[in-house]
């Protein structure tokens, strides 16, 4: 049985329809097994014999839209893909914190390999692209209060809306829970 993480886009913990219990309920209604969540930001873990990830993404997104009105987007990664991403140590020597906010932006299955442009804001730095995990790795400097770079807008302009971003700490938590 395959272990998966569904990384949902557009989840706002203040919206009652995006609470973890409701999200898990949709996954369970679809017959997915061992459904659990990580944090309150749209990370749903599950197991399934289905190996067709794009079809799973479409099926889950359709159910989320139909049952809860959530149209943000669903991106799925297999446990092995996330485990390999962690093992690659893409942020060597860096620690997640205000001055080095480590992020992973996951691209939809089938998205062409991204072009990684130069960034005009020195507070944002692209570390690279992990082809196997289909992820862009970035470091954001949030050390100046009230001066956060417009990172999310840049991501959407550059890669479109079929993306979702997680902190490196969240990716680590997801993998740890998939292995528990």
N, C-alpha and C. Protein backbone atom coordinates (compact mmCIF):
# COMPACT_ATOMS: atom_id res chain seq x y z
N UNK A 1 0.85 -1.17 0.00
CA UNK A 1 0.00 0.00 0.00
C UNK A 1 0.90 1.24 0.00
N UNK A 2 0.58 2.19 -0.86
CA UNK A 2 1.37 3.42 -1.00
C UNK A 2 1.01 4.42 0.10
N UNK A 3 2.04 5.12 0.60
CA UNK A 3 1.84 6.19 1.59
C UNK A 3 1.99 7.52 0.87
N UNK A 4 1.01 8.40 1.07
CA UNK A 4 0.96 9.68 0.37
C UNK A 4 0.76 10.85 1.33
N UNK A 5 1.20 12.01 0.87
CA UNK A 5 0.85 13.28 1.50
C UNK A 5 0.12 14.11 0.47
N UNK A 6 -1.09 14.54 0.82
CA UNK A 6 -1.84 15.48 -0.02
C UNK A 6 -1.58 16.86 0.55
N UNK A 7 -1.02 17.71 -0.28
CA UNK A 7 -0.68 19.08 0.11
C UNK A 7 -1.73 19.99 -0.52
N UNK A 8 -2.63 20.47 0.30
CA UNK A 8 -3.78 21.22 -0.20
C UNK A 8 -3.47 22.71 -0.21
N UNK A 9 -3.89 23.36 -1.26
CA UNK A 9 -3.67 24.80 -1.42
C UNK A 9 -4.91 25.55 -0.97
N UNK A 10 -4.70 26.73 -0.40
CA UNK A 10 -5.82 27.60 -0.05
C UNK A 10 -6.54 27.21 1.22
N UNK A 11 -5.86 26.56 2.14
CA UNK A 11 -6.48 26.15 3.40
C UNK A 11 -6.28 27.26 4.43
N UNK A 12 -7.38 27.77 4.95
CA UNK A 12 -7.34 28.81 5.98
C UNK A 12 -7.94 28.22 7.25
N UNK A 13 -7.14 28.03 8.30
CA UNK A 13 -7.66 27.42 9.53
C UNK A 13 -8.88 28.14 10.11
N UNK A 14 -9.09 29.41 9.76
CA UNK A 14 -10.25 30.14 10.27
C UNK A 14 -11.54 29.76 9.55
N UNK A 15 -11.44 29.11 8.40
CA UNK A 15 -12.61 28.68 7.64
C UNK A 15 -13.09 27.33 8.19
N UNK A 16 -14.31 27.25 8.71
CA UNK A 16 -14.78 25.98 9.29
C UNK A 16 -14.74 24.81 8.31
N UNK A 17 -14.89 25.07 7.01
CA UNK A 17 -14.85 23.97 6.03
C UNK A 17 -13.45 23.43 5.81
N UNK A 18 -12.42 24.13 6.29
CA UNK A 18 -11.06 23.64 6.08
C UNK A 18 -10.43 23.10 7.36
N UNK A 19 -11.25 22.86 8.37
CA UNK A 19 -10.73 22.24 9.59
C UNK A 19 -10.29 20.82 9.27
N UNK A 20 -9.28 20.37 9.97
CA UNK A 20 -8.71 19.05 9.70
C UNK A 20 -9.74 17.92 9.77
N UNK A 21 -10.67 17.98 10.72
CA UNK A 21 -11.64 16.89 10.82
C UNK A 21 -12.51 16.81 9.56
N UNK A 22 -12.87 17.95 9.00
CA UNK A 22 -13.67 17.94 7.77
C UNK A 22 -12.84 17.45 6.57
N UNK A 23 -11.60 17.92 6.50
CA UNK A 23 -10.73 17.46 5.40
C UNK A 23 -10.52 15.95 5.48
N UNK A 24 -10.20 15.45 6.66
CA UNK A 24 -10.01 14.00 6.83
C UNK A 24 -11.27 13.24 6.45
N UNK A 25 -12.42 13.79 6.81
CA UNK A 25 -13.69 13.14 6.49
C UNK A 25 -13.88 12.92 5.00
N UNK A 26 -13.50 13.90 4.20
CA UNK A 26 -13.62 13.76 2.74
C UNK A 26 -12.71 12.63 2.26
N UNK A 27 -11.49 12.58 2.75
CA UNK A 27 -10.56 11.53 2.35
C UNK A 27 -11.09 10.15 2.75
N UNK A 28 -11.65 10.06 3.94
CA UNK A 28 -12.20 8.78 4.40
C UNK A 28 -13.41 8.36 3.57
N UNK A 29 -14.27 9.34 3.20
CA UNK A 29 -15.43 9.05 2.34
C UNK A 29 -14.99 8.49 0.99
N UNK A 30 -13.80 8.88 0.54
CA UNK A 30 -13.27 8.39 -0.74
C UNK A 30 -12.67 6.99 -0.61
N UNK A 31 -12.68 6.42 0.60
CA UNK A 31 -12.16 5.08 0.81
C UNK A 31 -10.66 5.03 1.01
N UNK A 32 -10.03 6.18 1.24
CA UNK A 32 -8.60 6.19 1.49
C UNK A 32 -8.36 5.76 2.94
N UNK A 33 -7.21 5.15 3.20
CA UNK A 33 -6.98 4.52 4.49
C UNK A 33 -5.92 5.25 5.31
N UNK A 34 -5.94 5.01 6.62
CA UNK A 34 -4.97 5.58 7.56
C UNK A 34 -4.87 7.10 7.37
N UNK A 35 -6.01 7.75 7.28
CA UNK A 35 -6.06 9.20 7.04
C UNK A 35 -5.73 9.95 8.33
N UNK A 36 -4.79 10.86 8.22
CA UNK A 36 -4.39 11.69 9.36
C UNK A 36 -3.95 13.05 8.82
N UNK A 37 -3.73 13.99 9.72
CA UNK A 37 -3.33 15.33 9.28
C UNK A 37 -2.08 15.77 10.03
N UNK A 38 -1.39 16.74 9.44
CA UNK A 38 -0.21 17.34 10.05
C UNK A 38 -0.45 18.84 10.07
N UNK A 39 -0.45 19.41 11.26
CA UNK A 39 -0.69 20.83 11.45
C UNK A 39 -2.09 21.19 10.94
N UNK A 40 -2.41 22.46 10.90
CA UNK A 40 -3.74 22.90 10.47
C UNK A 40 -3.63 23.69 9.18
N UNK A 41 -2.82 23.19 8.25
CA UNK A 41 -2.59 23.96 7.02
C UNK A 41 -2.75 23.12 5.76
N UNK A 42 -3.58 22.09 5.82
CA UNK A 42 -3.89 21.34 4.61
C UNK A 42 -2.88 20.27 4.24
N UNK A 43 -2.37 19.55 5.22
CA UNK A 43 -1.46 18.43 4.97
C UNK A 43 -2.16 17.16 5.44
N UNK A 44 -2.68 16.40 4.49
CA UNK A 44 -3.43 15.20 4.83
C UNK A 44 -2.64 13.99 4.34
N UNK A 45 -2.38 13.08 5.26
CA UNK A 45 -1.63 11.86 4.94
C UNK A 45 -2.61 10.71 4.82
N UNK A 46 -2.32 9.79 3.90
CA UNK A 46 -3.22 8.66 3.69
C UNK A 46 -2.48 7.54 2.99
N UNK A 47 -3.14 6.41 2.94
CA UNK A 47 -2.61 5.25 2.20
C UNK A 47 -3.65 4.80 1.19
N UNK A 48 -3.12 4.29 0.07
CA UNK A 48 -4.00 3.82 -0.99
C UNK A 48 -3.23 2.85 -1.88
N UNK A 49 -3.95 1.89 -2.44
CA UNK A 49 -3.36 0.99 -3.42
C UNK A 49 -3.27 1.65 -4.79
N UNK A 50 -3.98 2.75 -4.97
CA UNK A 50 -3.99 3.45 -6.24
C UNK A 50 -2.64 4.12 -6.47
N UNK A 51 -1.98 3.79 -7.57
CA UNK A 51 -0.68 4.37 -7.88
C UNK A 51 -0.74 5.47 -8.92
N UNK A 52 -1.92 5.82 -9.38
CA UNK A 52 -2.09 6.86 -10.39
C UNK A 52 -2.26 8.21 -9.68
N UNK A 53 -1.14 8.88 -9.41
CA UNK A 53 -1.17 10.11 -8.62
C UNK A 53 -2.01 11.21 -9.28
N UNK A 54 -1.86 11.49 -10.57
CA UNK A 54 -2.73 12.54 -11.16
C UNK A 54 -4.22 12.23 -11.01
N UNK A 55 -4.60 10.97 -11.15
CA UNK A 55 -6.01 10.61 -10.98
C UNK A 55 -6.45 10.80 -9.53
N UNK A 56 -5.59 10.44 -8.58
CA UNK A 56 -5.90 10.67 -7.16
C UNK A 56 -6.07 12.16 -6.88
N UNK A 57 -5.17 12.98 -7.43
CA UNK A 57 -5.28 14.43 -7.24
C UNK A 57 -6.62 14.95 -7.74
N UNK A 58 -7.01 14.52 -8.93
CA UNK A 58 -8.28 14.98 -9.51
C UNK A 58 -9.46 14.50 -8.67
N UNK A 59 -9.43 13.25 -8.25
CA UNK A 59 -10.52 12.67 -7.46
C UNK A 59 -10.67 13.40 -6.12
N UNK A 60 -9.57 13.63 -5.44
CA UNK A 60 -9.60 14.31 -4.16
C UNK A 60 -10.06 15.75 -4.33
N UNK A 61 -9.50 16.45 -5.31
CA UNK A 61 -9.88 17.85 -5.51
C UNK A 61 -11.35 17.98 -5.85
N UNK A 62 -11.84 17.09 -6.68
CA UNK A 62 -13.26 17.12 -7.03
C UNK A 62 -14.13 16.95 -5.78
N UNK A 63 -13.76 16.02 -4.92
CA UNK A 63 -14.53 15.78 -3.69
C UNK A 63 -14.43 16.97 -2.74
N UNK A 64 -13.26 17.57 -2.61
CA UNK A 64 -13.10 18.74 -1.74
C UNK A 64 -13.94 19.91 -2.24
N UNK A 65 -13.98 20.10 -3.55
CA UNK A 65 -14.78 21.18 -4.12
C UNK A 65 -16.26 20.90 -3.92
N UNK A 66 -16.68 19.67 -4.22
CA UNK A 66 -18.10 19.30 -4.13
C UNK A 66 -18.61 19.32 -2.70
N UNK A 67 -17.86 18.75 -1.77
CA UNK A 67 -18.35 18.59 -0.41
C UNK A 67 -18.08 19.80 0.49
N UNK A 68 -16.95 20.49 0.27
CA UNK A 68 -16.57 21.56 1.19
C UNK A 68 -16.39 22.93 0.51
N UNK A 69 -16.52 22.98 -0.81
CA UNK A 69 -16.35 24.24 -1.52
C UNK A 69 -14.91 24.71 -1.58
N UNK A 70 -13.97 23.79 -1.46
CA UNK A 70 -12.55 24.13 -1.48
C UNK A 70 -12.02 23.92 -2.89
N UNK A 71 -11.63 24.99 -3.54
CA UNK A 71 -11.16 24.89 -4.91
C UNK A 71 -9.69 25.23 -5.08
N UNK A 72 -8.94 25.25 -4.00
CA UNK A 72 -7.54 25.71 -4.06
C UNK A 72 -6.60 24.86 -4.85
N UNK A 73 -6.68 23.56 -4.75
CA UNK A 73 -5.78 22.69 -5.48
C UNK A 73 -5.20 21.61 -4.59
N UNK A 74 -4.96 20.44 -5.17
CA UNK A 74 -4.42 19.30 -4.46
C UNK A 74 -3.17 18.82 -5.17
N UNK A 75 -2.08 18.72 -4.43
CA UNK A 75 -0.83 18.18 -4.94
C UNK A 75 -0.45 17.01 -4.04
N UNK A 76 -0.15 15.89 -4.64
CA UNK A 76 0.19 14.68 -3.88
C UNK A 76 1.64 14.31 -4.13
N UNK A 77 2.30 13.91 -3.04
CA UNK A 77 3.64 13.35 -3.13
C UNK A 77 3.67 12.03 -2.37
N UNK A 78 4.40 11.07 -2.94
CA UNK A 78 4.59 9.79 -2.28
C UNK A 78 5.63 9.93 -1.18
N UNK A 79 5.51 9.07 -0.19
CA UNK A 79 6.46 9.08 0.92
C UNK A 79 7.90 9.00 0.42
N UNK A 80 8.17 8.12 -0.53
CA UNK A 80 9.55 7.93 -1.02
C UNK A 80 10.10 9.22 -1.65
N UNK A 81 9.26 9.97 -2.35
CA UNK A 81 9.70 11.23 -2.95
C UNK A 81 10.09 12.23 -1.88
N UNK A 82 9.27 12.33 -0.84
CA UNK A 82 9.56 13.27 0.24
C UNK A 82 10.77 12.82 1.05
N UNK A 83 10.90 11.53 1.28
CA UNK A 83 12.04 10.99 2.01
C UNK A 83 13.33 11.30 1.24
N UNK A 84 13.32 11.12 -0.08
CA UNK A 84 14.50 11.40 -0.90
C UNK A 84 14.83 12.90 -0.88
N UNK A 85 13.82 13.75 -0.86
CA UNK A 85 14.05 15.19 -0.78
C UNK A 85 14.76 15.53 0.53
N UNK A 86 14.30 14.97 1.64
CA UNK A 86 14.97 15.21 2.92
C UNK A 86 16.41 14.71 2.88
N UNK A 87 16.60 13.52 2.34
CA UNK A 87 17.94 12.92 2.30
C UNK A 87 18.91 13.73 1.44
N UNK A 88 18.40 14.48 0.48
CA UNK A 88 19.27 15.26 -0.40
C UNK A 88 19.87 16.48 0.30
N UNK A 89 19.34 16.84 1.47
CA UNK A 89 19.83 17.97 2.25
C UNK A 89 20.00 19.22 1.39
N UNK A 90 18.90 19.74 0.84
CA UNK A 90 19.00 20.87 -0.10
C UNK A 90 19.37 22.21 0.54
N UNK A 91 19.32 22.27 1.86
CA UNK A 91 19.64 23.52 2.56
C UNK A 91 20.85 23.30 3.48
N UNK A 92 21.98 22.86 2.94
CA UNK A 92 23.11 22.52 3.81
C UNK A 92 23.60 23.72 4.63
N UNK A 93 23.72 23.49 5.93
CA UNK A 93 24.23 24.52 6.82
C UNK A 93 23.22 25.58 7.22
N UNK A 94 22.01 25.53 6.67
CA UNK A 94 21.00 26.54 7.00
C UNK A 94 20.02 25.99 8.03
N UNK A 95 19.55 26.87 8.88
CA UNK A 95 18.56 26.52 9.88
C UNK A 95 17.35 27.41 9.65
N UNK A 96 16.18 26.82 9.70
CA UNK A 96 14.94 27.57 9.51
C UNK A 96 14.75 28.56 10.65
N UNK A 97 14.57 29.82 10.32
CA UNK A 97 14.35 30.87 11.31
C UNK A 97 14.03 32.18 10.61
N UNK A 98 13.90 33.27 11.35
CA UNK A 98 13.53 34.56 10.76
C UNK A 98 14.47 34.98 9.64
N UNK A 99 15.76 34.80 9.82
CA UNK A 99 16.73 35.24 8.81
C UNK A 99 16.92 34.26 7.68
N UNK A 100 16.43 33.05 7.85
CA UNK A 100 16.56 32.04 6.78
C UNK A 100 15.33 31.13 6.83
N UNK A 101 14.26 31.64 6.27
CA UNK A 101 12.99 30.93 6.22
C UNK A 101 13.05 29.97 5.04
N UNK A 102 13.20 28.68 5.32
CA UNK A 102 13.41 27.67 4.28
C UNK A 102 12.06 27.17 3.77
N UNK A 103 11.85 27.27 2.45
CA UNK A 103 10.56 26.87 1.87
C UNK A 103 10.74 25.89 0.72
N UNK A 104 9.70 25.08 0.55
CA UNK A 104 9.63 24.12 -0.55
C UNK A 104 8.32 24.37 -1.28
N UNK A 105 8.39 24.71 -2.55
CA UNK A 105 7.20 24.92 -3.36
C UNK A 105 7.03 23.73 -4.28
N UNK A 106 5.94 23.00 -4.08
CA UNK A 106 5.67 21.80 -4.86
C UNK A 106 4.87 22.18 -6.10
N UNK A 107 5.31 21.66 -7.24
CA UNK A 107 4.66 21.91 -8.52
C UNK A 107 3.76 20.72 -8.86
N UNK A 108 2.71 20.98 -9.58
CA UNK A 108 1.77 19.94 -9.98
C UNK A 108 2.46 18.91 -10.87
N UNK A 109 2.04 17.68 -10.75
CA UNK A 109 2.53 16.59 -11.61
C UNK A 109 2.34 16.99 -13.07
N UNK A 110 3.34 16.77 -13.88
CA UNK A 110 3.25 17.08 -15.30
C UNK A 110 3.64 18.51 -15.64
N UNK A 111 3.92 19.34 -14.65
CA UNK A 111 4.36 20.71 -14.91
C UNK A 111 5.76 20.66 -15.51
N UNK A 112 6.02 21.43 -16.55
CA UNK A 112 7.37 21.44 -17.11
C UNK A 112 8.39 21.89 -16.07
N UNK A 113 9.63 21.45 -16.26
CA UNK A 113 10.68 21.86 -15.33
C UNK A 113 10.73 23.38 -15.30
N UNK A 114 10.74 23.95 -14.10
CA UNK A 114 10.65 25.41 -14.01
C UNK A 114 11.93 26.11 -14.44
N UNK A 115 11.74 27.28 -14.97
CA UNK A 115 12.86 28.18 -15.20
C UNK A 115 13.09 28.89 -13.87
N UNK A 116 14.31 28.98 -13.44
CA UNK A 116 14.61 29.61 -12.17
C UNK A 116 15.27 30.96 -12.42
N UNK A 117 14.44 32.01 -12.51
CA UNK A 117 14.96 33.34 -12.85
C UNK A 117 15.76 33.94 -11.70
N UNK A 118 16.53 34.93 -12.04
CA UNK A 118 17.20 35.71 -11.01
C UNK A 118 16.13 36.49 -10.26
N UNK A 119 16.30 36.62 -8.97
CA UNK A 119 15.33 37.36 -8.16
C UNK A 119 15.81 38.78 -7.96
N UNK A 120 14.88 39.72 -8.08
CA UNK A 120 15.26 41.13 -7.92
C UNK A 120 15.32 41.54 -6.45
N UNK A 121 14.68 40.79 -5.58
CA UNK A 121 14.68 41.10 -4.16
C UNK A 121 15.78 40.29 -3.47
N UNK A 122 16.78 40.94 -2.90
CA UNK A 122 17.88 40.22 -2.28
C UNK A 122 17.48 39.42 -1.04
N UNK A 123 16.25 39.62 -0.57
CA UNK A 123 15.77 38.86 0.59
C UNK A 123 15.23 37.49 0.20
N UNK A 124 15.19 37.18 -1.09
CA UNK A 124 14.74 35.88 -1.59
C UNK A 124 15.88 35.26 -2.39
N UNK A 125 16.12 33.97 -2.13
CA UNK A 125 17.18 33.27 -2.85
C UNK A 125 16.71 31.87 -3.24
N UNK A 126 16.78 31.56 -4.51
CA UNK A 126 16.44 30.22 -4.97
C UNK A 126 17.65 29.33 -4.74
N UNK A 127 17.43 28.24 -4.03
CA UNK A 127 18.49 27.27 -3.76
C UNK A 127 18.60 26.30 -4.93
N UNK A 128 17.45 25.94 -5.50
CA UNK A 128 17.47 25.03 -6.63
C UNK A 128 16.12 24.40 -6.89
N UNK A 129 16.16 23.39 -7.75
CA UNK A 129 14.97 22.65 -8.13
C UNK A 129 15.27 21.17 -7.93
N UNK A 130 14.40 20.49 -7.20
CA UNK A 130 14.53 19.05 -7.03
C UNK A 130 13.60 18.39 -8.05
N UNK A 131 14.20 17.82 -9.09
CA UNK A 131 13.43 17.26 -10.21
C UNK A 131 12.51 16.12 -9.74
N UNK A 132 13.03 15.22 -8.90
CA UNK A 132 12.24 14.06 -8.48
C UNK A 132 11.04 14.45 -7.62
N UNK A 133 11.23 15.41 -6.73
CA UNK A 133 10.13 15.87 -5.87
C UNK A 133 9.28 16.95 -6.54
N UNK A 134 9.72 17.40 -7.73
CA UNK A 134 9.05 18.48 -8.45
C UNK A 134 8.82 19.66 -7.50
N UNK A 135 9.95 20.18 -6.99
CA UNK A 135 9.88 21.22 -5.98
C UNK A 135 10.96 22.28 -6.20
N UNK A 136 10.59 23.52 -5.96
CA UNK A 136 11.52 24.64 -6.00
C UNK A 136 11.87 24.97 -4.55
N UNK A 137 13.15 25.08 -4.26
CA UNK A 137 13.65 25.30 -2.91
C UNK A 137 14.15 26.72 -2.78
N UNK A 138 13.66 27.43 -1.76
CA UNK A 138 13.94 28.85 -1.64
C UNK A 138 14.23 29.21 -0.19
N UNK A 139 15.05 30.24 -0.01
CA UNK A 139 15.32 30.81 1.31
C UNK A 139 14.81 32.25 1.29
N UNK A 140 14.02 32.60 2.30
CA UNK A 140 13.47 33.93 2.43
C UNK A 140 14.05 34.56 3.69
N UNK A 141 14.45 35.81 3.59
CA UNK A 141 14.93 36.54 4.76
C UNK A 141 13.79 37.40 5.29
N UNK A 142 13.26 37.00 6.44
CA UNK A 142 12.17 37.74 7.09
C UNK A 142 12.67 38.45 8.34
N UNK A 143 13.95 38.75 8.42
CA UNK A 143 14.54 39.26 9.66
C UNK A 143 14.12 40.69 9.99
N UNK A 144 13.73 41.47 9.00
CA UNK A 144 13.30 42.85 9.26
C UNK A 144 11.80 42.89 9.50
N UNK A 145 11.38 43.27 10.72
CA UNK A 145 9.94 43.32 11.01
C UNK A 145 9.21 44.25 10.03
N UNK A 146 8.04 43.79 9.55
CA UNK A 146 7.23 44.60 8.65
C UNK A 146 7.77 44.72 7.25
N UNK A 147 8.77 43.91 6.91
CA UNK A 147 9.41 44.02 5.60
C UNK A 147 9.54 42.66 4.94
N UNK A 148 8.44 41.93 4.86
CA UNK A 148 8.46 40.60 4.27
C UNK A 148 8.43 40.70 2.75
N UNK A 149 9.29 39.97 2.07
CA UNK A 149 9.26 39.98 0.60
C UNK A 149 7.92 39.46 0.08
N UNK A 150 7.54 39.90 -1.10
CA UNK A 150 6.29 39.46 -1.72
C UNK A 150 6.53 38.13 -2.43
N UNK A 151 6.88 37.15 -1.63
CA UNK A 151 7.30 35.84 -2.12
C UNK A 151 6.17 35.07 -2.81
N UNK A 152 5.00 35.00 -2.18
CA UNK A 152 3.91 34.20 -2.74
C UNK A 152 3.44 34.75 -4.08
N UNK A 153 3.38 36.06 -4.22
CA UNK A 153 2.99 36.65 -5.51
C UNK A 153 4.04 36.33 -6.58
N UNK A 154 5.31 36.41 -6.21
CA UNK A 154 6.37 36.07 -7.14
C UNK A 154 6.23 34.62 -7.60
N UNK A 155 5.96 33.71 -6.66
CA UNK A 155 5.81 32.29 -7.01
C UNK A 155 4.70 32.09 -8.03
N UNK A 156 3.55 32.70 -7.80
CA UNK A 156 2.42 32.54 -8.71
C UNK A 156 2.70 33.16 -10.08
N UNK A 157 3.35 34.31 -10.10
CA UNK A 157 3.70 34.93 -11.39
C UNK A 157 4.68 34.04 -12.16
N UNK A 158 5.58 33.40 -11.44
CA UNK A 158 6.63 32.61 -12.07
C UNK A 158 6.18 31.20 -12.44
N UNK A 159 5.41 30.55 -11.55
CA UNK A 159 5.09 29.13 -11.72
C UNK A 159 3.59 28.85 -11.90
N UNK A 160 2.76 29.87 -11.85
CA UNK A 160 1.32 29.66 -11.98
C UNK A 160 0.70 29.30 -10.65
N UNK A 161 -0.57 28.93 -10.68
CA UNK A 161 -1.30 28.66 -9.45
C UNK A 161 -1.35 27.18 -9.08
N UNK A 162 -0.83 26.30 -9.93
CA UNK A 162 -0.82 24.87 -9.61
C UNK A 162 0.42 24.54 -8.79
N UNK A 163 0.53 25.23 -7.64
CA UNK A 163 1.66 25.07 -6.74
C UNK A 163 1.15 25.13 -5.31
N UNK A 164 1.95 24.69 -4.39
CA UNK A 164 1.68 24.91 -2.97
C UNK A 164 3.01 24.91 -2.24
N UNK A 165 3.13 25.76 -1.25
CA UNK A 165 4.40 25.94 -0.56
C UNK A 165 4.29 25.50 0.89
N UNK A 166 5.33 24.83 1.37
CA UNK A 166 5.45 24.41 2.76
C UNK A 166 6.81 24.83 3.28
N UNK A 167 6.89 25.06 4.58
CA UNK A 167 8.20 25.29 5.17
C UNK A 167 8.95 23.97 5.23
N UNK A 168 10.26 24.07 5.31
CA UNK A 168 11.10 22.87 5.42
C UNK A 168 10.74 22.10 6.69
N UNK A 169 10.42 22.81 7.77
CA UNK A 169 10.02 22.15 9.01
C UNK A 169 8.74 21.34 8.82
N UNK A 170 7.80 21.88 8.07
CA UNK A 170 6.55 21.15 7.81
C UNK A 170 6.83 19.91 6.99
N UNK A 171 7.68 20.00 5.98
CA UNK A 171 8.03 18.82 5.18
C UNK A 171 8.66 17.76 6.08
N UNK A 172 9.53 18.17 6.98
CA UNK A 172 10.14 17.22 7.91
C UNK A 172 9.09 16.56 8.80
N UNK A 173 8.12 17.34 9.28
CA UNK A 173 7.05 16.78 10.12
C UNK A 173 6.19 15.80 9.33
N UNK A 174 5.89 16.14 8.08
CA UNK A 174 5.09 15.25 7.24
C UNK A 174 5.79 13.91 7.06
N UNK A 175 7.07 13.94 6.75
CA UNK A 175 7.82 12.68 6.55
C UNK A 175 7.87 11.88 7.84
N UNK A 176 8.12 12.55 8.96
CA UNK A 176 8.17 11.84 10.24
C UNK A 176 6.84 11.14 10.54
N UNK A 177 5.74 11.82 10.24
CA UNK A 177 4.43 11.21 10.52
C UNK A 177 4.12 10.09 9.52
N UNK A 178 4.56 10.22 8.29
CA UNK A 178 4.38 9.14 7.31
C UNK A 178 5.13 7.88 7.74
N UNK A 179 6.23 8.07 8.46
CA UNK A 179 7.07 6.95 8.89
C UNK A 179 6.66 6.38 10.24
N UNK A 180 5.75 7.07 10.92
CA UNK A 180 5.34 6.60 12.27
C UNK A 180 4.43 5.39 12.19
